[in-house]
Amino acid sequence: MNQPWRTLTPGVRVVVRRRLGPDEELLYSDVLGDLLVVDDDGVLIETRRGSVHVPAQDIALAKIVPPAPVRRPRRD
């Protein structure tokens, strides 16, 4: 089975499309953030909301994305 996500290097920013369960309204969901771990179990990604583990069997695709833009301060 072709699993190109296994070649990704921790430390890069990625988006991973994961398959959702059959009871979910949508088929897929995206996880965006910094890649922390790649192993036989899947990937661990640090998102804005915390760490997210995506199991290997749920990964539909993954790719490197550009760094997040710098957030500008809010104007009052």
PDB file of N, CA and C in Angstrom:
ATOM      1  N   MET A   1       0.841  -1.193   0.000  1.00  0.00           N
ATOM      2  CA  MET A   1       0.000   0.000   0.000  1.00  0.00           C
ATOM      3  C   MET A   1       0.879   1.246   0.000  1.00  0.00           C
ATOM      4  N   ASN A   2       0.581   2.208  -0.853  1.00  0.00           N
ATOM      5  CA  ASN A   2       1.354   3.429  -0.976  1.00  0.00           C
ATOM      6  C   ASN A   2       1.035   4.370   0.187  1.00  0.00           C
ATOM      7  N   GLN A   3       2.054   4.717   0.969  1.00  0.00           N
ATOM      8  CA  GLN A   3       1.864   5.592   2.126  1.00  0.00           C
ATOM      9  C   GLN A   3       2.926   6.693   2.134  1.00  0.00           C
ATOM     10  N   PRO A   4       2.797   7.673   1.223  1.00  0.00           N
ATOM     11  CA  PRO A   4       3.823   8.718   1.129  1.00  0.00           C
ATOM     12  C   PRO A   4       3.957   9.565   2.390  1.00  0.00           C
ATOM     13  N   TRP A   5       2.954   9.585   3.253  1.00  0.00           N
ATOM     14  CA  TRP A   5       3.040  10.363   4.488  1.00  0.00           C
ATOM     15  C   TRP A   5       4.170   9.853   5.385  1.00  0.00           C
ATOM     16  N   ARG A   6       4.586   8.611   5.205  1.00  0.00           N
ATOM     17  CA  ARG A   6       5.673   8.056   6.030  1.00  0.00           C
ATOM     18  C   ARG A   6       7.014   8.726   5.746  1.00  0.00           C
ATOM     19  N   THR A   7       7.142   9.407   4.608  1.00  0.00           N
ATOM     20  CA  THR A   7       8.405  10.069   4.267  1.00  0.00           C
ATOM     21  C   THR A   7       8.486  11.490   4.824  1.00  0.00           C
ATOM     22  N   LEU A   8       7.412  11.989   5.425  1.00  0.00           N
ATOM     23  CA  LEU A   8       7.420  13.342   5.984  1.00  0.00           C
ATOM     24  C   LEU A   8       8.350  13.398   7.195  1.00  0.00           C
ATOM     25  N   THR A   9       8.986  14.550   7.373  1.00  0.00           N
ATOM     26  CA  THR A   9       9.946  14.744   8.455  1.00  0.00           C
ATOM     27  C   THR A   9       9.321  15.578   9.568  1.00  0.00           C
ATOM     28  N   PRO A  10       9.408  15.119  10.806  1.00  0.00           N
ATOM     29  CA  PRO A  10       8.902  15.942  11.913  1.00  0.00           C
ATOM     30  C   PRO A  10       9.533  17.330  11.892  1.00  0.00           C
ATOM     31  N   GLY A  11       8.718  18.319  12.255  1.00  0.00           N
ATOM     32  CA  GLY A  11       9.169  19.702  12.268  1.00  0.00           C
ATOM     33  C   GLY A  11       8.580  20.534  11.148  1.00  0.00           C
ATOM     34  N   VAL A  12       8.048  19.884  10.120  1.00  0.00           N
ATOM     35  CA  VAL A  12       7.445  20.636   9.018  1.00  0.00           C
ATOM     36  C   VAL A  12       5.966  20.880   9.309  1.00  0.00           C
ATOM     37  N   ARG A  13       5.401  21.875   8.638  1.00  0.00           N
ATOM     38  CA  ARG A  13       3.968  22.152   8.769  1.00  0.00           C
ATOM     39  C   ARG A  13       3.241  21.336   7.712  1.00  0.00           C
ATOM     40  N   VAL A  14       2.197  20.643   8.121  1.00  0.00           N
ATOM     41  CA  VAL A  14       1.485  19.738   7.216  1.00  0.00           C
ATOM     42  C   VAL A  14      -0.024  19.905   7.334  1.00  0.00           C
ATOM     43  N   VAL A  15      -0.700  19.405   6.323  1.00  0.00           N
ATOM     44  CA  VAL A  15      -2.134  19.185   6.413  1.00  0.00           C
ATOM     45  C   VAL A  15      -2.347  17.699   6.131  1.00  0.00           C
ATOM     46  N   VAL A  16      -3.118  17.050   6.986  1.00  0.00           N
ATOM     47  CA  VAL A  16      -3.418  15.627   6.841  1.00  0.00           C
ATOM     48  C   VAL A  16      -4.922  15.477   6.703  1.00  0.00           C
ATOM     49  N   ARG A  17      -5.363  14.839   5.643  1.00  0.00           N
ATOM     50  CA  ARG A  17      -6.782  14.554   5.453  1.00  0.00           C
ATOM     51  C   ARG A  17      -7.045  13.175   6.033  1.00  0.00           C
ATOM     52  N   ARG A  18      -7.944  13.129   6.999  1.00  0.00           N
ATOM     53  CA  ARG A  18      -8.250  11.845   7.651  1.00  0.00           C
ATOM     54  C   ARG A  18      -9.673  11.421   7.342  1.00  0.00           C
ATOM     55  N   ARG A  19      -9.826  10.108   7.219  1.00  0.00           N
ATOM     56  CA  ARG A  19     -11.161   9.537   7.000  1.00  0.00           C
ATOM     57  C   ARG A  19     -11.901   9.522   8.332  1.00  0.00           C
ATOM     58  N   LEU A  20     -13.173   9.891   8.286  1.00  0.00           N
ATOM     59  CA  LEU A  20     -14.008   9.861   9.483  1.00  0.00           C
ATOM     60  C   LEU A  20     -14.806   8.565   9.500  1.00  0.00           C
ATOM     61  N   GLY A  21     -15.405   8.273  10.625  1.00  0.00           N
ATOM     62  CA  GLY A  21     -16.183   7.050  10.767  1.00  0.00           C
ATOM     63  C   GLY A  21     -17.473   7.070   9.969  1.00  0.00           C
ATOM     64  N   PRO A  22     -18.090   5.897   9.802  1.00  0.00           N
ATOM     65  CA  PRO A  22     -19.307   5.788   8.994  1.00  0.00           C
ATOM     66  C   PRO A  22     -20.508   6.538   9.590  1.00  0.00           C
ATOM     67  N   ASP A  23     -20.458   6.829  10.879  1.00  0.00           N
ATOM     68  CA  ASP A  23     -21.569   7.532  11.524  1.00  0.00           C
ATOM     69  C   ASP A  23     -21.427   9.049  11.455  1.00  0.00           C
ATOM     70  N   GLU A  24     -20.328   9.531  10.892  1.00  0.00           N
ATOM     71  CA  GLU A  24     -20.089  10.973  10.801  1.00  0.00           C
ATOM     72  C   GLU A  24     -20.844  11.570   9.612  1.00  0.00           C
ATOM     73  N   GLU A  25     -21.163  12.850   9.718  1.00  0.00           N
ATOM     74  CA  GLU A  25     -21.871  13.548   8.643  1.00  0.00           C
ATOM     75  C   GLU A  25     -20.980  13.725   7.409  1.00  0.00           C
ATOM     76  N   LEU A  26     -19.701  13.989   7.637  1.00  0.00           N
ATOM     77  CA  LEU A  26     -18.748  14.186   6.552  1.00  0.00           C
ATOM     78  C   LEU A  26     -17.854  12.952   6.406  1.00  0.00           C
ATOM     79  N   LEU A  27     -17.249  12.773   5.232  1.00  0.00           N
ATOM     80  CA  LEU A  27     -16.362  11.634   5.000  1.00  0.00           C
ATOM     81  C   LEU A  27     -14.945  11.902   5.482  1.00  0.00           C
ATOM     82  N   TYR A  28     -14.504  13.177   5.389  1.00  0.00           N
ATOM     83  CA  TYR A  28     -13.126  13.529   5.710  1.00  0.00           C
ATOM     84  C   TYR A  28     -13.068  14.774   6.582  1.00  0.00           C
ATOM     85  N   SER A  29     -11.919  14.925   7.262  1.00  0.00           N
ATOM     86  CA  SER A  29     -11.625  16.123   8.035  1.00  0.00           C
ATOM     87  C   SER A  29     -10.135  16.401   7.888  1.00  0.00           C
ATOM     88  N   ASP A  30      -9.751  17.670   7.877  1.00  0.00           N
ATOM     89  CA  ASP A  30      -8.343  18.032   7.742  1.00  0.00           C
ATOM     90  C   ASP A  30      -7.756  18.425   9.097  1.00  0.00           C
ATOM     91  N   VAL A  31      -6.497  18.035   9.302  1.00  0.00           N
ATOM     92  CA  VAL A  31      -5.743  18.419  10.492  1.00  0.00           C
ATOM     93  C   VAL A  31      -4.548  19.225   9.999  1.00  0.00           C
ATOM     94  N   LEU A  32      -4.394  20.459  10.491  1.00  0.00           N
ATOM     95  CA  LEU A  32      -3.344  21.365  10.048  1.00  0.00           C
ATOM     96  C   LEU A  32      -2.468  21.743  11.229  1.00  0.00           C
ATOM     97  N   GLY A  33      -1.160  21.604  11.051  1.00  0.00           N
ATOM     98  CA  GLY A  33      -0.245  22.009  12.114  1.00  0.00           C
ATOM     99  C   GLY A  33       1.158  21.491  11.890  1.00  0.00           C
ATOM    100  N   ASP A  34       1.957  21.546  12.960  1.00  0.00           N
ATOM    101  CA  ASP A  34       3.352  21.107  12.901  1.00  0.00           C
ATOM    102  C   ASP A  34       3.440  19.622  13.204  1.00  0.00           C
ATOM    103  N   LEU A  35       4.137  18.911  12.341  1.00  0.00           N
ATOM    104  CA  LEU A  35       4.289  17.470  12.484  1.00  0.00           C
ATOM    105  C   LEU A  35       5.278  17.165  13.598  1.00  0.00           C
ATOM    106  N   LEU A  36       4.838  16.394  14.581  1.00  0.00           N
ATOM    107  CA  LEU A  36       5.693  16.037  15.708  1.00  0.00           C
ATOM    108  C   LEU A  36       6.274  14.638  15.579  1.00  0.00           C
ATOM    109  N   VAL A  37       5.439  13.667  15.158  1.00  0.00           N
ATOM    110  CA  VAL A  37       5.847  12.264  15.118  1.00  0.00           C
ATOM    111  C   VAL A  37       5.271  11.586  13.882  1.00  0.00           C
ATOM    112  N   VAL A  38       6.101  10.743  13.247  1.00  0.00           N
ATOM    113  CA  VAL A  38       5.662   9.863  12.165  1.00  0.00           C
ATOM    114  C   VAL A  38       6.142   8.472  12.527  1.00  0.00           C
ATOM    115  N   ASP A  39       5.209   7.520  12.670  1.00  0.00           N
ATOM    116  CA  ASP A  39       5.600   6.146  12.960  1.00  0.00           C
ATOM    117  C   ASP A  39       4.575   5.180  12.381  1.00  0.00           C
ATOM    118  N   ASP A  40       4.729   3.902  12.677  1.00  0.00           N
ATOM    119  CA  ASP A  40       3.827   2.890  12.123  1.00  0.00           C
ATOM    120  C   ASP A  40       2.381   3.087  12.565  1.00  0.00           C
ATOM    121  N   ASP A  41       2.179   3.765  13.703  1.00  0.00           N
ATOM    122  CA  ASP A  41       0.825   3.979  14.218  1.00  0.00           C
ATOM    123  C   ASP A  41       0.108   5.140  13.552  1.00  0.00           C
ATOM    124  N   GLY A  42       0.857   6.024  12.897  1.00  0.00           N
ATOM    125  CA  GLY A  42       0.260   7.189  12.256  1.00  0.00           C
ATOM    126  C   GLY A  42       1.106   8.418  12.471  1.00  0.00           C
ATOM    127  N   VAL A  43       0.449   9.566  12.652  1.00  0.00           N
ATOM    128  CA  VAL A  43       1.166  10.826  12.845  1.00  0.00           C
ATOM    129  C   VAL A  43       0.594  11.570  14.051  1.00  0.00           C
ATOM    130  N   LEU A  44       1.444  12.411  14.641  1.00  0.00           N
ATOM    131  CA  LEU A  44       1.032  13.291  15.722  1.00  0.00           C
ATOM    132  C   LEU A  44       1.306  14.709  15.258  1.00  0.00           C
ATOM    133  N   ILE A  45       0.282  15.552  15.306  1.00  0.00           N
ATOM    134  CA  ILE A  45       0.365  16.919  14.803  1.00  0.00           C
ATOM    135  C   ILE A  45      -0.007  17.884  15.920  1.00  0.00           C
ATOM    136  N   GLU A  46       0.804  18.935  16.073  1.00  0.00           N
ATOM    137  CA  GLU A  46       0.502  19.992  17.033  1.00  0.00           C
ATOM    138  C   GLU A  46      -0.292  21.070  16.306  1.00  0.00           C
ATOM    139  N   THR A  47      -1.579  21.193  16.640  1.00  0.00           N
ATOM    140  CA  THR A  47      -2.455  22.183  16.029  1.00  0.00           C
ATOM    141  C   THR A  47      -2.617  23.368  16.979  1.00  0.00           C
ATOM    142  N   ARG A  48      -3.348  24.371  16.562  1.00  0.00           N
ATOM    143  CA  ARG A  48      -3.634  25.519  17.449  1.00  0.00           C
ATOM    144  C   ARG A  48      -4.402  25.096  18.689  1.00  0.00           C
ATOM    145  N   ARG A  49      -5.141  24.017  18.580  1.00  0.00           N
ATOM    146  CA  ARG A  49      -5.979  23.560  19.692  1.00  0.00           C
ATOM    147  C   ARG A  49      -5.349  22.434  20.502  1.00  0.00           C
ATOM    148  N   GLY A  50      -4.121  22.051  20.164  1.00  0.00           N
ATOM    149  CA  GLY A  50      -3.439  20.990  20.899  1.00  0.00           C
ATOM    150  C   GLY A  50      -2.991  19.872  19.975  1.00  0.00           C
ATOM    151  N   SER A  51      -2.445  18.825  20.574  1.00  0.00           N
ATOM    152  CA  SER A  51      -1.922  17.698  19.805  1.00  0.00           C
ATOM    153  C   SER A  51      -3.050  16.800  19.311  1.00  0.00           C
ATOM    154  N   VAL A  52      -2.910  16.334  18.059  1.00  0.00           N
ATOM    155  CA  VAL A  52      -3.903  15.442  17.454  1.00  0.00           C
ATOM    156  C   VAL A  52      -3.167  14.245  16.865  1.00  0.00           C
ATOM    157  N   HIS A  53      -3.558  13.040  17.272  1.00  0.00           N
ATOM    158  CA  HIS A  53      -3.005  11.817  16.689  1.00  0.00           C
ATOM    159  C   HIS A  53      -3.959  11.337  15.602  1.00  0.00           C
ATOM    160  N   VAL A  54      -3.406  11.090  14.409  1.00  0.00           N
ATOM    161  CA  VAL A  54      -4.192  10.544  13.305  1.00  0.00           C
ATOM    162  C   VAL A  54      -3.679   9.136  13.039  1.00  0.00           C
ATOM    163  N   PRO A  55      -4.488   8.112  13.306  1.00  0.00           N
ATOM    164  CA  PRO A  55      -4.057   6.733  13.070  1.00  0.00           C
ATOM    165  C   PRO A  55      -3.739   6.482  11.600  1.00  0.00           C
ATOM    166  N   ALA A  56      -2.778   5.610  11.350  1.00  0.00           N
ATOM    167  CA  ALA A  56      -2.324   5.306   9.992  1.00  0.00           C
ATOM    168  C   ALA A  56      -3.479   4.903   9.076  1.00  0.00           C
ATOM    169  N   GLN A  57      -4.386   4.078   9.563  1.00  0.00           N
ATOM    170  CA  GLN A  57      -5.483   3.588   8.715  1.00  0.00           C
ATOM    171  C   GLN A  57      -6.483   4.688   8.349  1.00  0.00           C
ATOM    172  N   ASP A  58      -6.434   5.840   9.043  1.00  0.00           N
ATOM    173  CA  ASP A  58      -7.355   6.941   8.756  1.00  0.00           C
ATOM    174  C   ASP A  58      -6.772   8.003   7.830  1.00  0.00           C
ATOM    175  N   ILE A  59      -5.471   7.920   7.507  1.00  0.00           N
ATOM    176  CA  ILE A  59      -4.826   8.937   6.686  1.00  0.00           C
ATOM    177  C   ILE A  59      -5.163   8.708   5.213  1.00  0.00           C
ATOM    178  N   ALA A  60      -5.848   9.677   4.619  1.00  0.00           N
ATOM    179  CA  ALA A  60      -6.181   9.610   3.193  1.00  0.00           C
ATOM    180  C   ALA A  60      -5.083  10.261   2.361  1.00  0.00           C
ATOM    181  N   LEU A  61      -4.540  11.387   2.839  1.00  0.00           N
ATOM    182  CA  LEU A  61      -3.418  12.043   2.182  1.00  0.00           C
ATOM    183  C   LEU A  61      -2.778  13.004   3.156  1.00  0.00           C
ATOM    184  N   ALA A  62      -1.563  13.397   2.839  1.00  0.00           N
ATOM    185  CA  ALA A  62      -0.830  14.365   3.660  1.00  0.00           C
ATOM    186  C   ALA A  62       0.126  15.126   2.765  1.00  0.00           C
ATOM    187  N   LYS A  63       0.319  16.404   3.082  1.00  0.00           N
ATOM    188  CA  LYS A  63       1.281  17.183   2.311  1.00  0.00           C
ATOM    189  C   LYS A  63       1.845  18.307   3.154  1.00  0.00           C
ATOM    190  N   ILE A  64       3.025  18.750   2.767  1.00  0.00           N
ATOM    191  CA  ILE A  64       3.671  19.875   3.423  1.00  0.00           C
ATOM    192  C   ILE A  64       3.011  21.156   2.940  1.00  0.00           C
ATOM    193  N   VAL A  65       2.807  22.088   3.869  1.00  0.00           N
ATOM    194  CA  VAL A  65       2.216  23.384   3.526  1.00  0.00           C
ATOM    195  C   VAL A  65       3.146  24.493   4.018  1.00  0.00           C
ATOM    196  N   PRO A  66       3.004  25.705   3.478  1.00  0.00           N
ATOM    197  CA  PRO A  66       3.860  26.821   3.905  1.00  0.00           C
ATOM    198  C   PRO A  66       3.638  27.165   5.379  1.00  0.00           C
ATOM    199  N   PRO A  67       4.610  27.833   5.980  1.00  0.00           N
ATOM    200  CA  PRO A  67       4.449  28.266   7.373  1.00  0.00           C
ATOM    201  C   PRO A  67       3.209  29.146   7.530  1.00  0.00           C
ATOM    202  N   ALA A  68       2.667  29.133   8.728  1.00  0.00           N
ATOM    203  CA  ALA A  68       1.498  29.970   9.016  1.00  0.00           C
ATOM    204  C   ALA A  68       1.877  31.443   8.890  1.00  0.00           C
ATOM    205  N   PRO A  69       0.968  32.268   8.372  1.00  0.00           N
ATOM    206  CA  PRO A  69       1.263  33.701   8.301  1.00  0.00           C
ATOM    207  C   PRO A  69       1.353  34.285   9.711  1.00  0.00           C
ATOM    208  N   VAL A  70       2.124  35.328   9.843  1.00  0.00           N
ATOM    209  CA  VAL A  70       2.255  35.992  11.135  1.00  0.00           C
ATOM    210  C   VAL A  70       0.938  36.670  11.447  1.00  0.00           C
ATOM    211  N   ARG A  71       0.435  36.414  12.651  1.00  0.00           N
ATOM    212  CA  ARG A  71      -0.828  37.032  13.054  1.00  0.00           C
ATOM    213  C   ARG A  71      -0.581  38.467  13.465  1.00  0.00           C
ATOM    214  N   ARG A  72      -1.412  39.362  12.920  1.00  0.00           N
ATOM    215  CA  ARG A  72      -1.291  40.768  13.276  1.00  0.00           C
ATOM    216  C   ARG A  72      -2.131  41.058  14.498  1.00  0.00           C
ATOM    217  N   PRO A  73      -1.703  42.001  15.313  1.00  0.00           N
ATOM    218  CA  PRO A  73      -2.501  42.344  16.496  1.00  0.00           C
ATOM    219  C   PRO A  73      -3.857  42.908  16.088  1.00  0.00           C
ATOM    220  N   ARG A  74      -4.835  42.672  16.931  1.00  0.00           N
ATOM    221  CA  ARG A  74      -6.183  43.203  16.663  1.00  0.00           C
ATOM    222  C   ARG A  74      -6.179  44.703  16.831  1.00  0.00           C
ATOM    223  N   ARG A  75      -6.936  45.366  15.969  1.00  0.00           N
ATOM    224  CA  ARG A  75      -7.112  46.811  16.111  1.00  0.00           C
ATOM    225  C   ARG A  75      -8.378  47.060  16.909  1.00  0.00           C
ATOM    226  N   ASP A  76      -8.264  47.935  17.855  1.00  0.00           N
ATOM    227  CA  ASP A  76      -9.443  48.264  18.686  1.00  0.00           C
ATOM    228  C   ASP A  76     -10.192  49.434  18.175  1.00  0.00           C
TER     229      ASP A  76
END
